[in-house]
Amino acid sequence: MGAVVTAVIAIAAVVLGWITIEMACKPCLDSGRRAMDRALDPNYDPDEPTAAGAAANEPLLADLSAASAAALAKTI
């Protein structure tokens, strides 16, 4: 009977550990699952422009004129 109790406790510990990891790492796991779903989707075309892709292709510092650089330096 002791072996059955030990097995039930071990299984419960594994289940609680899994739930804890899922809750603690939810943002990272969700983004990874989205990436895997997108990569495995046969209808996904990585060359197709999207709204998120267009924003990602924009330069981080689009306007590097002297006036904007001075304003940026002044705010820092």
N, C-alpha and C. Protein backbone atom coordinates (compact mmCIF):
# COMPACT_ATOMS: atom_id res chain seq x y z
N MET A 1 0.82 -1.20 0.00
CA MET A 1 0.00 0.00 0.00
C MET A 1 0.87 1.27 0.00
N GLY A 2 2.06 1.18 0.61
CA GLY A 2 2.95 2.33 0.68
C GLY A 2 3.44 2.77 -0.70
N ALA A 3 3.60 1.82 -1.61
CA ALA A 3 4.05 2.16 -2.96
C ALA A 3 2.99 2.93 -3.72
N VAL A 4 1.73 2.59 -3.52
CA VAL A 4 0.64 3.30 -4.20
C VAL A 4 0.55 4.73 -3.70
N VAL A 5 0.65 4.92 -2.41
CA VAL A 5 0.60 6.27 -1.83
C VAL A 5 1.78 7.09 -2.34
N THR A 6 2.95 6.50 -2.38
CA THR A 6 4.13 7.20 -2.89
C THR A 6 3.96 7.58 -4.36
N ALA A 7 3.40 6.69 -5.16
CA ALA A 7 3.17 6.99 -6.57
C ALA A 7 2.15 8.11 -6.74
N VAL A 8 1.09 8.10 -5.95
CA VAL A 8 0.07 9.16 -6.04
C VAL A 8 0.67 10.50 -5.64
N ILE A 9 1.48 10.53 -4.60
CA ILE A 9 2.12 11.78 -4.17
C ILE A 9 3.09 12.27 -5.23
N ALA A 10 3.84 11.38 -5.85
CA ALA A 10 4.78 11.78 -6.89
C ALA A 10 4.05 12.34 -8.11
N ILE A 11 2.96 11.71 -8.50
CA ILE A 11 2.18 12.21 -9.65
C ILE A 11 1.58 13.57 -9.33
N ALA A 12 1.06 13.74 -8.10
CA ALA A 12 0.51 15.03 -7.70
C ALA A 12 1.59 16.11 -7.71
N ALA A 13 2.80 15.77 -7.27
CA ALA A 13 3.88 16.74 -7.27
C ALA A 13 4.27 17.16 -8.69
N VAL A 14 4.29 16.20 -9.61
CA VAL A 14 4.61 16.51 -11.00
C VAL A 14 3.54 17.41 -11.60
N VAL A 15 2.29 17.11 -11.34
CA VAL A 15 1.19 17.93 -11.88
C VAL A 15 1.25 19.34 -11.31
N LEU A 16 1.45 19.48 -10.02
CA LEU A 16 1.55 20.82 -9.42
C LEU A 16 2.77 21.57 -9.93
N GLY A 17 3.87 20.88 -10.15
CA GLY A 17 5.06 21.52 -10.72
C GLY A 17 4.81 22.02 -12.13
N TRP A 18 4.13 21.20 -12.92
CA TRP A 18 3.80 21.61 -14.29
C TRP A 18 2.91 22.85 -14.30
N ILE A 19 1.90 22.87 -13.44
CA ILE A 19 0.99 24.02 -13.36
C ILE A 19 1.76 25.27 -12.93
N THR A 20 2.67 25.11 -11.99
CA THR A 20 3.48 26.24 -11.52
C THR A 20 4.33 26.81 -12.64
N ILE A 21 4.97 25.96 -13.40
CA ILE A 21 5.80 26.42 -14.51
C ILE A 21 4.95 27.10 -15.58
N GLU A 22 3.79 26.53 -15.88
CA GLU A 22 2.90 27.14 -16.87
C GLU A 22 2.46 28.53 -16.44
N MET A 23 2.15 28.71 -15.17
CA MET A 23 1.70 30.02 -14.68
C MET A 23 2.86 31.01 -14.61
N ALA A 24 4.04 30.57 -14.18
CA ALA A 24 5.17 31.47 -14.01
C ALA A 24 5.74 31.94 -15.35
N CYS A 25 5.73 31.07 -16.35
CA CYS A 25 6.35 31.38 -17.63
C CYS A 25 5.31 31.61 -18.73
N LYS A 26 4.11 32.00 -18.37
CA LYS A 26 3.02 32.13 -19.34
C LYS A 26 3.36 33.05 -20.52
N PRO A 27 3.89 34.27 -20.31
CA PRO A 27 4.17 35.13 -21.48
C PRO A 27 5.17 34.52 -22.44
N CYS A 28 6.22 33.93 -21.90
CA CYS A 28 7.24 33.33 -22.75
C CYS A 28 6.69 32.11 -23.48
N LEU A 29 5.94 31.29 -22.79
CA LEU A 29 5.37 30.09 -23.40
C LEU A 29 4.34 30.45 -24.47
N ASP A 30 3.54 31.49 -24.22
CA ASP A 30 2.53 31.89 -25.21
C ASP A 30 3.19 32.39 -26.49
N SER A 31 4.23 33.21 -26.35
CA SER A 31 4.88 33.72 -27.57
C SER A 31 5.58 32.58 -28.32
N GLY A 32 6.14 31.63 -27.60
CA GLY A 32 6.76 30.48 -28.26
C GLY A 32 5.75 29.61 -28.97
N ARG A 33 4.60 29.42 -28.35
CA ARG A 33 3.55 28.62 -28.98
C ARG A 33 2.98 29.32 -30.21
N ARG A 34 2.85 30.65 -30.14
CA ARG A 34 2.39 31.40 -31.32
C ARG A 34 3.39 31.26 -32.46
N ALA A 35 4.67 31.34 -32.14
CA ALA A 35 5.71 31.22 -33.17
C ALA A 35 5.69 29.83 -33.79
N MET A 36 5.51 28.80 -32.96
CA MET A 36 5.45 27.43 -33.51
C MET A 36 4.20 27.24 -34.36
N ASP A 37 3.06 27.80 -33.91
CA ASP A 37 1.84 27.67 -34.70
C ASP A 37 2.00 28.37 -36.05
N ARG A 38 2.63 29.54 -36.03
CA ARG A 38 2.82 30.28 -37.28
C ARG A 38 3.79 29.54 -38.19
N ALA A 39 4.85 28.97 -37.63
CA ALA A 39 5.84 28.27 -38.44
C ALA A 39 5.27 26.98 -39.03
N LEU A 40 4.37 26.34 -38.33
CA LEU A 40 3.80 25.08 -38.81
C LEU A 40 2.54 25.28 -39.65
N ASP A 41 2.07 26.53 -39.79
CA ASP A 41 0.88 26.82 -40.58
C ASP A 41 1.23 26.78 -42.06
N PRO A 42 0.62 25.89 -42.85
CA PRO A 42 0.97 25.82 -44.27
C PRO A 42 0.50 27.05 -45.06
N ASN A 43 -0.43 27.82 -44.52
CA ASN A 43 -0.92 29.01 -45.22
C ASN A 43 -0.12 30.26 -44.88
N TYR A 44 0.82 30.17 -43.96
CA TYR A 44 1.62 31.33 -43.56
C TYR A 44 2.71 31.60 -44.57
N ASP A 45 2.78 32.85 -45.03
CA ASP A 45 3.81 33.25 -45.97
C ASP A 45 4.67 34.33 -45.31
N PRO A 46 5.91 34.02 -44.98
CA PRO A 46 6.74 35.01 -44.28
C PRO A 46 7.06 36.23 -45.13
N ASP A 47 6.91 36.14 -46.46
CA ASP A 47 7.19 37.28 -47.32
C ASP A 47 6.00 38.21 -47.48
N GLU A 48 4.84 37.80 -46.97
CA GLU A 48 3.64 38.62 -47.10
C GLU A 48 3.69 39.76 -46.08
N PRO A 49 3.51 41.01 -46.54
CA PRO A 49 3.56 42.13 -45.58
C PRO A 49 2.32 42.13 -44.69
N THR A 50 2.55 42.41 -43.42
CA THR A 50 1.46 42.51 -42.46
C THR A 50 1.59 43.84 -41.73
N ALA A 51 0.58 44.19 -40.95
CA ALA A 51 0.62 45.44 -40.20
C ALA A 51 1.74 45.41 -39.17
N ALA A 52 1.92 44.29 -38.49
CA ALA A 52 2.98 44.18 -37.49
C ALA A 52 4.34 44.16 -38.18
N GLY A 53 4.44 43.53 -39.33
CA GLY A 53 5.70 43.47 -40.05
C GLY A 53 6.12 44.82 -40.59
N ALA A 54 5.14 45.63 -41.02
CA ALA A 54 5.46 46.95 -41.53
C ALA A 54 6.03 47.83 -40.42
N ALA A 55 5.46 47.73 -39.23
CA ALA A 55 5.97 48.52 -38.12
C ALA A 55 7.35 48.03 -37.69
N ALA A 56 7.59 46.74 -37.83
CA ALA A 56 8.88 46.19 -37.43
C ALA A 56 9.99 46.60 -38.39
N ASN A 57 9.66 46.90 -39.64
CA ASN A 57 10.66 47.26 -40.63
C ASN A 57 11.01 48.74 -40.60
N GLU A 58 10.29 49.54 -39.84
CA GLU A 58 10.58 50.96 -39.78
C GLU A 58 11.84 51.18 -38.94
N PRO A 59 12.65 52.16 -39.31
CA PRO A 59 13.85 52.41 -38.51
C PRO A 59 13.49 52.93 -37.12
N LEU A 60 14.33 52.62 -36.14
CA LEU A 60 14.05 53.06 -34.78
C LEU A 60 14.22 54.57 -34.64
N LEU A 61 15.21 55.13 -35.31
CA LEU A 61 15.44 56.57 -35.28
C LEU A 61 15.29 57.10 -36.69
N ALA A 62 14.05 57.39 -37.08
CA ALA A 62 13.78 57.78 -38.46
C ALA A 62 14.31 59.17 -38.77
N ASP A 63 14.20 60.11 -37.84
CA ASP A 63 14.57 61.50 -38.10
C ASP A 63 15.83 61.83 -37.31
N LEU A 64 16.96 61.90 -37.99
CA LEU A 64 18.22 62.20 -37.32
C LEU A 64 18.75 63.58 -37.70
N SER A 65 17.86 64.53 -37.95
CA SER A 65 18.30 65.88 -38.30
C SER A 65 18.90 66.55 -37.07
N ALA A 66 19.59 67.65 -37.28
CA ALA A 66 20.26 68.36 -36.18
C ALA A 66 19.25 68.88 -35.16
N ALA A 67 18.09 69.34 -35.62
CA ALA A 67 17.08 69.88 -34.71
C ALA A 67 16.52 68.79 -33.81
N SER A 68 16.25 67.64 -34.38
CA SER A 68 15.70 66.57 -33.55
C SER A 68 16.75 66.01 -32.62
N ALA A 69 18.01 65.97 -33.06
CA ALA A 69 19.09 65.50 -32.19
C ALA A 69 19.29 66.46 -31.03
N ALA A 70 19.20 67.75 -31.29
CA ALA A 70 19.34 68.73 -30.22
C ALA A 70 18.19 68.61 -29.22
N ALA A 71 16.97 68.41 -29.74
CA ALA A 71 15.80 68.27 -28.86
C ALA A 71 15.94 67.00 -28.02
N LEU A 72 16.43 65.94 -28.62
CA LEU A 72 16.63 64.69 -27.89
C LEU A 72 17.69 64.87 -26.81
N ALA A 73 18.78 65.53 -27.15
CA ALA A 73 19.85 65.75 -26.18
C ALA A 73 19.37 66.64 -25.04
N LYS A 74 18.49 67.59 -25.35
CA LYS A 74 17.98 68.49 -24.34
C LYS A 74 17.07 67.75 -23.36
N THR A 75 16.29 66.78 -23.86
CA THR A 75 15.39 66.04 -22.98
C THR A 75 16.13 65.08 -22.09
N ILE A 76 17.28 64.60 -22.57
CA ILE A 76 18.07 63.64 -21.77
C ILE A 76 18.78 64.41 -20.72
